[in-house]
C-alpha atoms as a PDB file:
ATOM      1  CA  MET A   1     -20.442 -28.545  14.962  1.00  0.00           C
ATOM      2  CA  THR A   2     -22.372 -28.177  11.757  1.00  0.00           C
ATOM      3  CA  GLN A   3     -20.777 -27.301   8.445  1.00  0.00           C
ATOM      4  CA  ALA A   4     -22.178 -23.775   8.591  1.00  0.00           C
ATOM      5  CA  GLN A   5     -20.683 -23.235  12.058  1.00  0.00           C
ATOM      6  CA  ILE A   6     -17.301 -24.534  10.891  1.00  0.00           C
ATOM      7  CA  SER A   7     -17.282 -22.210   7.866  1.00  0.00           C
ATOM      8  CA  ASN A   8     -18.239 -19.231  10.060  1.00  0.00           C
ATOM      9  CA  LYS A   9     -15.545 -20.072  12.608  1.00  0.00           C
ATOM     10  CA  HIS A  10     -12.750 -20.254  10.020  1.00  0.00           C
ATOM     11  CA  GLN A  11     -14.060 -17.265   8.002  1.00  0.00           C
ATOM     12  CA  VAL A  12     -14.569 -19.352   4.850  1.00  0.00           C
ATOM     13  CA  ALA A  13     -17.541 -19.134   2.539  1.00  0.00           C
ATOM     14  CA  TYR A  14     -19.957 -22.014   2.926  1.00  0.00           C
ATOM     15  CA  THR A  15     -19.809 -22.863  -0.795  1.00  0.00           C
ATOM     16  CA  THR A  16     -15.999 -22.979  -0.659  1.00  0.00           C
ATOM     17  CA  PHE A  17     -16.148 -25.268   2.354  1.00  0.00           C
ATOM     18  CA  ARG A  18     -18.629 -27.589   0.598  1.00  0.00           C
ATOM     19  CA  ARG A  19     -16.464 -27.674  -2.538  1.00  0.00           C
ATOM     20  CA  TYR A  20     -13.456 -28.673  -0.435  1.00  0.00           C
ATOM     21  CA  LEU A  21     -15.476 -31.490   1.131  1.00  0.00           C
ATOM     22  CA  ARG A  22     -16.521 -32.749  -2.289  1.00  0.00           C
ATOM     23  CA  LYS A  23     -12.896 -32.806  -3.423  1.00  0.00           C
ATOM     24  CA  GLN A  24     -12.070 -34.885  -0.364  1.00  0.00           C
ATOM     25  CA  LYS A  25     -14.964 -37.237  -1.315  1.00  0.00           C
ATOM     26  CA  LEU A  26     -16.945 -36.357   1.813  1.00  0.00           C
ATOM     27  CA  HIS A  27     -20.619 -36.327   0.870  1.00  0.00           C
ATOM     28  CA  LEU A  28     -23.757 -35.568   2.853  1.00  0.00           C
ATOM     29  CA  THR A  29     -25.657 -38.333   4.585  1.00  0.00           C
ATOM     30  CA  ALA A  30     -29.272 -39.139   3.754  1.00  0.00           C
ATOM     31  CA  ALA A  31     -30.488 -37.340   6.905  1.00  0.00           C
ATOM     32  CA  GLN A  32     -28.530 -34.193   6.024  1.00  0.00           C
ATOM     33  CA  ILE A  33     -29.924 -34.214   2.496  1.00  0.00           C
ATOM     34  CA  ARG A  34     -33.494 -34.445   3.831  1.00  0.00           C
ATOM     35  CA  GLU A  35     -32.777 -31.592   6.247  1.00  0.00           C
ATOM     36  CA  ARG A  36     -31.463 -29.409   3.448  1.00  0.00           C
ATOM     37  CA  HIS A  37     -34.526 -30.172   1.334  1.00  0.00           C
ATOM     38  CA  SER A  38     -36.808 -29.180   4.196  1.00  0.00           C
ATOM     39  CA  ARG A  39     -34.909 -25.899   4.665  1.00  0.00           C
ATOM     40  CA  ALA A  40     -35.190 -25.162   0.952  1.00  0.00           C
ATOM     41  CA  ALA A  41     -38.932 -25.796   1.122  1.00  0.00           C
ATOM     42  CA  LEU A  42     -39.287 -23.419   4.051  1.00  0.00           C
ATOM     43  CA  ARG A  43     -37.375 -20.692   2.205  1.00  0.00           C
ATOM     44  CA  GLY A  44     -39.533 -21.147  -0.865  1.00  0.00           C
ATOM     45  CA  ARG A  45     -42.700 -20.902   1.227  1.00  0.00           C
ATOM     46  CA  ALA A  46     -41.410 -17.737   2.929  1.00  0.00           C
ATOM     47  CA  LYS A  47     -40.731 -16.248  -0.489  1.00  0.00           C
ATOM     48  CA  ARG A  48     -44.291 -17.024  -1.632  1.00  0.00           C
ATOM     49  CA  ASP A  49     -45.852 -15.702   1.567  1.00  0.00           C
ATOM     50  CA  HIS A  50     -43.656 -12.552   1.688  1.00  0.00           C
ATOM     51  CA  PRO A  51     -42.786 -11.378  -1.859  1.00  0.00           C
ATOM     52  CA  GLY A  52     -39.598  -9.306  -2.091  1.00  0.00           C
ATOM     53  CA  GLN A  53     -38.244 -10.620   1.211  1.00  0.00           C
ATOM     54  CA  SER A  54     -37.158 -14.236   0.871  1.00  0.00           C
ATOM     55  CA  HIS A  55     -34.804 -14.311   3.869  1.00  0.00           C
ATOM     56  CA  ARG A  56     -36.437 -13.168   7.105  1.00  0.00           C
ATOM     57  CA  CYS A  57     -33.913 -12.746   9.908  1.00  0.00           C
ATOM     58  CA  GLU A  58     -33.613 -10.816  13.128  1.00  0.00           C
ATOM     59  CA  PRO A  59     -31.242  -7.817  13.291  1.00  0.00           C
ATOM     60  CA  ASP A  60     -27.570  -8.842  13.630  1.00  0.00           C
ATOM     61  CA  CYS A  61     -28.365 -12.503  13.076  1.00  0.00           C
ATOM     62  CA  ASP A  62     -25.584 -15.107  12.829  1.00  0.00           C
ATOM     63  CA  CYS A  63     -26.931 -17.028   9.858  1.00  0.00           C
ATOM     64  CA  LYS A  64     -24.601 -18.075   7.064  1.00  0.00           C
ATOM     65  CA  ARG A  65     -25.935 -15.580   4.541  1.00  0.00           C
ATOM     66  CA  HIS A  66     -25.728 -12.393   6.598  1.00  0.00           C
ATOM     67  CA  HIS A  67     -22.525 -13.380   8.359  1.00  0.00           C
ATOM     68  CA  ASN A  68     -20.675 -13.866   5.066  1.00  0.00           C
ATOM     69  CA  ARG A  69     -21.983 -10.544   3.802  1.00  0.00           C
ATOM     70  CA  ARG A  70     -20.926  -8.575   6.849  1.00  0.00           C
ATOM     71  CA  ARG A  71     -17.459 -10.012   7.267  1.00  0.00           C
ATOM     72  CA  ARG A  72     -14.450  -8.707   5.318  1.00  0.00           C
ATOM     73  CA  ARG A  73     -11.785 -10.824   3.650  1.00  0.00           C
ATOM     74  CA  THR A  74      -9.150  -9.499   6.061  1.00  0.00           C
ATOM     75  CA  ASP A  75     -11.198 -10.764   9.031  1.00  0.00           C
ATOM     76  CA  THR A  76     -11.996  -7.173  10.020  1.00  0.00           C
ATOM     77  CA  PRO A  77     -15.507  -6.744  11.457  1.00  0.00           C
ATOM     78  CA  THR A  78     -17.977  -4.640   9.549  1.00  0.00           C
ATOM     79  CA  VAL A  79     -18.504  -2.021  12.270  1.00  0.00           C
ATOM     80  CA  VAL A  80     -16.101  -1.398  15.155  1.00  0.00           C
ATOM     81  CA  LEU A  81     -17.045   1.265  17.713  1.00  0.00           C
ATOM     82  CA  GLY A  82     -19.292   3.000  15.234  1.00  0.00           C
ATOM     83  CA  ARG A  83     -16.709   3.045  12.439  1.00  0.00           C
ATOM     84  CA  ARG A  84     -15.976   1.027   9.310  1.00  0.00           C
ATOM     85  CA  PHE A  85     -12.908   0.559   7.116  1.00  0.00           C
ATOM     86  CA  CYS A  86     -13.198   2.028   3.599  1.00  0.00           C
ATOM     87  CA  SER A  87     -11.700  -0.330   1.013  1.00  0.00           C
ATOM     88  CA  ASP A  88     -10.934   2.549  -1.385  1.00  0.00           C
ATOM     89  CA  CYS A  89      -9.256   5.315   0.637  1.00  0.00           C
ATOM     90  CA  LYS A  90      -7.999   2.805   3.270  1.00  0.00           C
ATOM     91  CA  HIS A  91      -9.206   4.859   6.245  1.00  0.00           C
ATOM     92  CA  TRP A  92     -11.542   4.195   9.147  1.00  0.00           C
ATOM     93  CA  ARG A  93     -14.672   6.314   8.643  1.00  0.00           C
ATOM     94  CA  HIS A  94     -17.740   6.886  10.747  1.00  0.00           C
ATOM     95  CA  ILE A  95     -20.635   4.600   9.965  1.00  0.00           C
ATOM     96  CA  PHE A  96     -22.709   7.597   8.848  1.00  0.00           C
ATOM     97  CA  ASP A  97     -20.200   8.099   5.984  1.00  0.00           C
ATOM     98  CA  PHE A  98     -21.361   4.850   4.316  1.00  0.00           C
ATOM     99  CA  HIS A  99     -24.516   4.097   2.360  1.00  0.00           C
ATOM    100  CA  ALA A 100     -26.685   1.301   3.729  1.00  0.00           C
ATOM    101  CA  ARG A 101     -27.298  -1.770   1.555  1.00  0.00           C
ATOM    102  CA  GLU A 102     -29.350  -4.011   3.903  1.00  0.00           C
ATOM    103  CA  TRP A 103     -32.200  -3.251   6.284  1.00  0.00           C
ATOM    104  CA  ASP A 104     -34.070  -5.281   8.860  1.00  0.00           C
ATOM    105  CA  VAL A 105     -37.838  -5.730   9.108  1.00  0.00           C
ATOM    106  CA  GLU A 106     -38.305  -2.390  10.857  1.00  0.00           C
ATOM    107  CA  GLY A 107     -36.238  -0.532   8.254  1.00  0.00           C
ATOM    108  CA  ASN A 108     -33.071  -0.090  10.327  1.00  0.00           C
ATOM    109  CA  PRO A 109     -29.800  -0.488   8.375  1.00  0.00           C
ATOM    110  CA  VAL A 110     -27.892  -3.669   9.240  1.00  0.00           C
ATOM    111  CA  GLY A 111     -25.410  -3.770   6.324  1.00  0.00           C
ATOM    112  CA  PHE A 112     -23.287  -1.027   4.783  1.00  0.00           C
ATOM    113  CA  GLN A 113     -21.295  -0.608   1.598  1.00  0.00           C
ATOM    114  CA  ALA A 114     -17.540  -1.200   1.590  1.00  0.00           C
ATOM    115  CA  ILE A 115     -16.777   2.238   0.076  1.00  0.00           C
ATOM    116  CA  CYS A 116     -17.529   5.511   1.857  1.00  0.00           C
ATOM    117  CA  LYS A 117     -19.775   8.182   0.345  1.00  0.00           C
ATOM    118  CA  THR A 118     -16.885  10.437  -0.691  1.00  0.00           C
ATOM    119  CA  CYS A 119     -15.029   7.682  -2.583  1.00  0.00           C
ATOM    120  CA  GLN A 120     -18.282   6.555  -4.188  1.00  0.00           C
ATOM    121  CA  ARG A 121     -19.012  10.104  -5.369  1.00  0.00           C
ATOM    122  CA  ILE A 122     -15.489  10.453  -6.793  1.00  0.00           C
ATOM    123  CA  ARG A 123     -15.841   7.155  -8.657  1.00  0.00           C
ATOM    124  CA  CYS A 124     -19.142   8.233 -10.169  1.00  0.00           C
ATOM    125  CA  ARG A 125     -17.702  11.562 -11.320  1.00  0.00           C
ATOM    126  CA  ILE A 126     -14.625   9.934 -12.848  1.00  0.00           C
ATOM    127  CA  ASN A 127     -16.776   7.357 -14.649  1.00  0.00           C
ATOM    128  CA  SER A 128     -18.885  10.187 -16.081  1.00  0.00           C
ATOM    129  CA  GLY A 129     -15.830  11.754 -17.763  1.00  0.00           C
ATOM    130  CA  MET A 130     -14.372  13.972 -15.041  1.00  0.00           C
ATOM    131  CA  LYS A 131     -10.964  13.767 -13.385  1.00  0.00           C
ATOM    132  CA  ARG A 132      -9.892  13.835  -9.779  1.00  0.00           C
ATOM    133  CA  ARG A 133      -6.581  15.713  -9.959  1.00  0.00           C
ATOM    134  CA  GLY A 134      -6.026  19.326 -10.899  1.00  0.00           C
ATOM    135  CA  ARG A 135      -8.895  21.681 -10.417  1.00  0.00           C
ATOM    136  CA  PRO A 136     -11.993  19.934  -9.058  1.00  0.00           C
ATOM    137  CA  TYR A 137     -13.206  17.455 -11.679  1.00  0.00           C
ATOM    138  CA  GLU A 138     -12.298  19.404 -14.806  1.00  0.00           C
ATOM    139  CA  PRO A 139     -12.588  17.652 -18.207  1.00  0.00           C
ATOM    140  CA  ARG A 140      -9.808  15.219 -19.007  1.00  0.00           C
ATOM    141  CA  LYS A 141      -6.882  16.480 -21.047  1.00  0.00           C
ATOM    142  CA  PRO A 142      -5.187  14.476 -23.821  1.00  0.00           C
ATOM    143  CA  ARG A 143      -2.384  12.215 -22.664  1.00  0.00           C
ATOM    144  CA  ARG A 144       1.137  13.603 -23.054  1.00  0.00           C
ATOM    145  CA  THR A 145       3.440  12.112 -25.636  1.00  0.00           C
ATOM    146  CA  HIS A 146       6.758  10.521 -24.678  1.00  0.00           C
ATOM    147  CA  GLU A 147       8.700  13.628 -25.724  1.00  0.00           C
ATOM    148  CA  GLU A 148       6.400  15.873 -23.673  1.00  0.00           C
ATOM    149  CA  GLN A 149       6.831  13.651 -20.625  1.00  0.00           C
ATOM    150  CA  LEU A 150      10.625  13.802 -20.962  1.00  0.00           C
ATOM    151  CA  GLU A 151      10.529  17.580 -21.329  1.00  0.00           C
ATOM    152  CA  ARG A 152       8.356  17.876 -18.226  1.00  0.00           C
ATOM    153  CA  ALA A 153      10.738  15.615 -16.292  1.00  0.00           C
ATOM    154  CA  ARG A 154      13.723  17.766 -17.345  1.00  0.00           C
ATOM    155  CA  GLU A 155      11.863  20.908 -16.328  1.00  0.00           C
ATOM    156  CA  LEU A 156      11.133  19.506 -12.873  1.00  0.00           C
ATOM    157  CA  TYR A 157      14.737  18.344 -12.538  1.00  0.00           C
ATOM    158  CA  ARG A 158      16.026  21.842 -13.369  1.00  0.00           C
ATOM    159  CA  GLU A 159      13.710  23.297 -10.743  1.00  0.00           C
ATOM    160  CA  HIS A 160      14.950  20.813  -8.151  1.00  0.00           C
ATOM    161  CA  CYS A 161      18.589  21.532  -9.003  1.00  0.00           C
ATOM    162  CA  GLU A 162      18.107  25.127  -7.889  1.00  0.00           C
ATOM    163  CA  ASN A 163      17.582  23.859  -4.340  1.00  0.00           C
ATOM    164  CA  PRO A 164      20.964  22.949  -2.759  1.00  0.00           C
ATOM    165  CA  GLU A 165      19.307  20.953   0.027  1.00  0.00           C
ATOM    166  CA  TRP A 166      17.529  18.748  -2.517  1.00  0.00           C
ATOM    167  CA  LEU A 167      20.778  18.227  -4.423  1.00  0.00           C
ATOM    168  CA  GLU A 168      22.616  17.129  -1.296  1.00  0.00           C
ATOM    169  CA  MET A 169      19.811  14.726  -0.345  1.00  0.00           C
ATOM    170  CA  ARG A 170      19.810  13.313  -3.896  1.00  0.00           C
ATOM    171  CA  ARG A 171      23.569  12.749  -3.860  1.00  0.00           C
ATOM    172  CA  GLU A 172      23.406  11.116  -0.454  1.00  0.00           C
ATOM    173  CA  TYR A 173      20.678   8.774  -1.735  1.00  0.00           C
ATOM    174  CA  GLU A 174      22.791   7.886  -4.796  1.00  0.00           C
ATOM    175  CA  ARG A 175      25.792   7.141  -2.582  1.00  0.00           C
ATOM    176  CA  ILE A 176      23.740   4.864  -0.319  1.00  0.00           C
ATOM    177  CA  TYR A 177      22.183   3.109  -3.339  1.00  0.00           C
ATOM    178  CA  ALA A 178      25.567   2.553  -5.003  1.00  0.00           C
ATOM    179  CA  GLU A 179      27.026   1.252  -1.736  1.00  0.00           C
ATOM    180  CA  ALA A 180      24.159  -1.241  -1.371  1.00  0.00           C
ATOM    181  CA  LYS A 181      24.643  -2.463  -4.960  1.00  0.00           C
ATOM    182  CA  ARG A 182      28.346  -3.004  -4.330  1.00  0.00           C
ATOM    183  CA  ARG A 183      27.536  -5.067  -1.256  1.00  0.00           C
ATOM    184  CA  GLU A 184      25.120  -7.201  -3.306  1.00  0.00           C
ATOM    185  CA  ALA A 185      27.800  -7.766  -5.940  1.00  0.00           C
ATOM    186  CA  GLY A 186      30.235  -8.972  -3.269  1.00  0.00           C
ATOM    187  CA  ILE A 187      32.612  -5.984  -3.478  1.00  0.00           C
ATOM    188  CA  PRO A 188      34.164  -5.345  -0.034  1.00  0.00           C
ATOM    189  CA  ARG A 189      33.896  -1.957   1.614  1.00  0.00           C
ATOM    190  CA  ASP A 190      36.834   0.388   0.901  1.00  0.00           C
ATOM    191  CA  GLU A 191      37.580   1.655   4.383  1.00  0.00           C
ATOM    192  CA  ALA A 192      40.595   3.738   3.286  1.00  0.00           C
ATOM    193  CA  LYS A 193      38.511   5.626   0.709  1.00  0.00           C
ATOM    194  CA  MET A 194      35.683   6.202   3.174  1.00  0.00           C
ATOM    195  CA  ALA A 195      38.156   7.614   5.722  1.00  0.00           C
ATOM    196  CA  LYS A 196      39.375  10.212   3.204  1.00  0.00           C
ATOM    197  CA  ARG A 197      35.861  11.311   2.314  1.00  0.00           C
ATOM    198  CA  LYS A 198      35.052  14.850   3.408  1.00  0.00           C
ATOM    199  CA  ALA A 199      31.551  15.396   4.720  1.00  0.00           C
ATOM    200  CA  GLY A 200      29.692  18.454   3.488  1.00  0.00           C
ATOM    201  CA  VAL A 201      28.275  20.008   0.331  1.00  0.00           C
ATOM    202  CA  ASP A 202      30.300  19.389  -2.842  1.00  0.00           C
ATOM    203  CA  VAL A 203      31.831  22.382  -4.585  1.00  0.00           C
ATOM    204  CA  THR A 204      29.925  23.337  -7.755  1.00  0.00           C
ATOM    205  CA  ILE A 205      31.211  25.367 -10.709  1.00  0.00           C
ATOM    206  CA  SER A 206      29.695  26.679 -13.921  1.00  0.00           C
ATOM    207  CA  VAL A 207      28.868  24.023 -16.489  1.00  0.00           C
ATOM    208  CA  ILE A 208      29.311  26.293 -19.552  1.00  0.00           C
ATOM    209  CA  PRO A 209      33.123  25.859 -19.985  1.00  0.00           C
ATOM    210  CA  PHE A 210      32.797  22.086 -19.617  1.00  0.00           C
ATOM    211  CA  ALA A 211      29.970  21.984 -22.172  1.00  0.00           C
ATOM    212  CA  LEU A 212      31.980  24.065 -24.672  1.00  0.00           C
ATOM    213  CA  TRP A 213      34.951  21.751 -24.148  1.00  0.00           C
ATOM    214  CA  GLN A 214      32.765  18.766 -25.058  1.00  0.00           C
ATOM    215  CA  GLU A 215      31.634  20.487 -28.267  1.00  0.00           C
ATOM    216  CA  GLU A 216      35.302  20.977 -29.169  1.00  0.00           C
ATOM    217  CA  ARG A 217      36.354  17.384 -28.414  1.00  0.00           C
ATOM    218  CA  ILE A 218      33.430  15.510 -30.027  1.00  0.00           C
ATOM    219  CA  PRO A 219      34.911  15.690 -33.624  1.00  0.00           C
ATOM    220  CA  PHE A 220      37.801  13.512 -32.404  1.00  0.00           C
ATOM    221  CA  TYR A 221      35.410  10.683 -31.432  1.00  0.00           C
ATOM    222  CA  ASP A 222      32.868   8.639 -33.328  1.00  0.00           C
ATOM    223  CA  SER A 223      29.976   9.294 -30.930  1.00  0.00           C
ATOM    224  CA  TRP A 224      29.067  10.836 -27.593  1.00  0.00           C
ATOM    225  CA  ALA A 225      29.257   7.381 -26.029  1.00  0.00           C
ATOM    226  CA  ASP A 226      32.943   7.101 -27.039  1.00  0.00           C
ATOM    227  CA  LEU A 227      33.647  10.508 -25.487  1.00  0.00           C
ATOM    228  CA  ALA A 228      31.903   9.452 -22.283  1.00  0.00           C
ATOM    229  CA  ALA A 229      33.952   6.239 -22.198  1.00  0.00           C
ATOM    230  CA  ALA A 230      37.148   8.277 -22.649  1.00  0.00           C
ATOM    231  CA  CYS A 231      36.058  10.492 -19.736  1.00  0.00           C
ATOM    232  CA  GLY A 232      35.474   7.456 -17.550  1.00  0.00           C
ATOM    233  CA  THR A 233      31.745   8.031 -17.092  1.00  0.00           C
ATOM    234  CA  SER A 234      28.440   7.069 -18.705  1.00  0.00           C
ATOM    235  CA  ASP A 235      26.737   8.806 -21.596  1.00  0.00           C
ATOM    236  CA  ARG A 236      23.722   9.495 -19.405  1.00  0.00           C
ATOM    237  CA  GLN A 237      25.748  11.469 -16.841  1.00  0.00           C
ATOM    238  CA  LEU A 238      27.653  13.352 -19.512  1.00  0.00           C
ATOM    239  CA  ARG A 239      24.442  14.246 -21.358  1.00  0.00           C
ATOM    240  CA  ARG A 240      23.308  16.413 -18.439  1.00  0.00           C
ATOM    241  CA  THR A 241      26.368  18.668 -18.811  1.00  0.00           C
ATOM    242  CA  ARG A 242      26.201  19.406 -22.556  1.00  0.00           C
ATOM    243  CA  PHE A 243      23.945  21.438 -24.805  1.00  0.00           C
ATOM    244  CA  ASN A 244      20.755  19.805 -26.023  1.00  0.00           C
ATOM    245  CA  GLU A 245      19.188  20.127 -29.466  1.00  0.00           C
ATOM    246  CA  LYS A 246      17.764  23.549 -28.587  1.00  0.00           C
ATOM    247  CA  GLY A 247      21.157  24.820 -27.423  1.00  0.00           C
ATOM    248  CA  GLU A 248      20.145  24.829 -23.751  1.00  0.00           C
ATOM    249  CA  LEU A 249      21.701  23.305 -20.639  1.00  0.00           C
ATOM    250  CA  GLU A 250      19.746  21.101 -18.258  1.00  0.00           C
ATOM    251  CA  GLN A 251      21.625  22.366 -15.195  1.00  0.00           C
ATOM    252  CA  PRO A 252      23.573  25.585 -14.651  1.00  0.00           C
ATOM    253  CA  THR A 253      26.268  24.091 -12.411  1.00  0.00           C
ATOM    254  CA  VAL A 254      28.254  20.870 -12.119  1.00  0.00           C
ATOM    255  CA  ARG A 255      30.356  19.303  -9.380  1.00  0.00           C
ATOM    256  CA  ALA A 256      34.023  20.217  -9.538  1.00  0.00           C
ATOM    257  CA  ASP A 257      35.175  16.701  -8.672  1.00  0.00           C
ATOM    258  CA  PHE A 258      33.131  15.282 -11.580  1.00  0.00           C
ATOM    259  CA  VAL A 259      34.707  17.693 -14.092  1.00  0.00           C
ATOM    260  CA  ASP A 260      38.192  17.041 -12.689  1.00  0.00           C
ATOM    261  CA  ALA A 261      37.753  13.257 -12.994  1.00  0.00           C
ATOM    262  CA  CYS A 262      36.454  13.491 -16.590  1.00  0.00           C
ATOM    263  CA  LEU A 263      39.304  15.753 -17.716  1.00  0.00           C
ATOM    264  CA  GLN A 264      41.938  13.566 -16.081  1.00  0.00           C
ATOM    265  CA  HIS A 265      40.594  10.434 -17.792  1.00  0.00           C
ATOM    266  CA  GLU A 266      40.381  12.121 -21.194  1.00  0.00           C
ATOM    267  CA  GLY A 267      43.838  13.686 -20.837  1.00  0.00           C
ATOM    268  CA  SER A 268      43.555  16.665 -23.195  1.00  0.00           C
ATOM    269  CA  THR A 269      43.429  19.362 -20.511  1.00  0.00           C
ATOM    270  CA  THR A 270      42.974  19.938 -16.792  1.00  0.00           C
ATOM    271  CA  ILE A 271      40.343  21.715 -14.763  1.00  0.00           C
ATOM    272  CA  VAL A 272      42.748  24.523 -13.865  1.00  0.00           C
ATOM    273  CA  THR A 273      43.514  25.210 -17.537  1.00  0.00           C
ATOM    274  CA  LEU A 274      39.855  24.987 -18.514  1.00  0.00           C
ATOM    275  CA  TYR A 275      38.661  27.439 -15.861  1.00  0.00           C
ATOM    276  CA  SER A 276      41.696  29.792 -15.834  1.00  0.00           C
ATOM    277  CA  GLY A 277      40.410  32.718 -17.890  1.00  0.00           C
ATOM    278  CA  ASN A 278      40.781  31.300 -21.390  1.00  0.00           C
ATOM    279  CA  ILE A 279      38.218  31.503 -24.204  1.00  0.00           C
ATOM    280  CA  TYR A 280      35.796  29.327 -22.255  1.00  0.00           C
ATOM    281  CA  ASN A 281      35.682  31.264 -19.014  1.00  0.00           C
ATOM    282  CA  LYS A 282      37.002  34.654 -17.907  1.00  0.00           C
ATOM    283  CA  ASP A 283      35.685  34.484 -14.349  1.00  0.00           C
ATOM    284  CA  GLU A 284      38.558  34.402 -11.851  1.00  0.00           C
ATOM    285  CA  GLN A 285      36.268  33.137  -9.078  1.00  0.00           C
ATOM    286  CA  GLN A 286      35.865  29.835 -10.938  1.00  0.00           C
ATOM    287  CA  LEU A 287      39.647  29.360 -10.838  1.00  0.00           C
ATOM    288  CA  ALA A 288      39.637  29.866  -7.074  1.00  0.00           C
ATOM    289  CA  LEU A 289      36.862  27.279  -6.683  1.00  0.00           C
ATOM    290  CA  ALA A 290      38.640  24.806  -8.949  1.00  0.00           C
ATOM    291  CA  ALA A 291      41.923  25.254  -7.102  1.00  0.00           C
END
């Protein structure tokens, strides 16, 4: 087999194959060098005789040049059953959805672009200053600041919290994630605790009494992190249940087991006392839920 046939068989560019041979100190013989010089002379004569068309080949030829152009790096053929794989949207499209880039002597297309017409049009519009998302190709808006991104994330989280199905799916995901992390850390599975676990939706209560209780207890601690440590939780989890700088709450409800665990760790009061019709809450239904 010739070097060109070997490179075509293993789907390697001819120049890469020649560079590998040079690294292995395998050079061409004198006969091969003369043959290459004769081929170069023929190509130069074809270029002089036919300006603008230096490489004359039949349609679907197997020469090194056209074969390397038609093949893809993933060894996927250019056209399969009249379709081609778009490298941008990652879908198989009909061959008519691609622009031609090579033609034979009679003007029939023999090579097509790697990107379909739709992806090419979107790229051109984006490069000209338009955007793809939102309304069709409207002018780009200024990038949000970090504070605006956080506010948008909180807004979306509040909207999701109104859906009980999403909340249950989120909690189930957090339980699975925490269980996987414990297995990675080498902590054995607590079978007794898992047997006592009750399947179903967790009971939720109003977050307002718990948030007011935090405002009352914070003067006794140096920071919110110290209060969270006293409650046996993290500052990030406790931040969701207290008032922000604007005096608003991120979520209207909170799990009853979370409030009960925080109050038991801190030790100043209990969930029954907090939700039993005192100055924080006068709703008797909350006491029934807490009990």
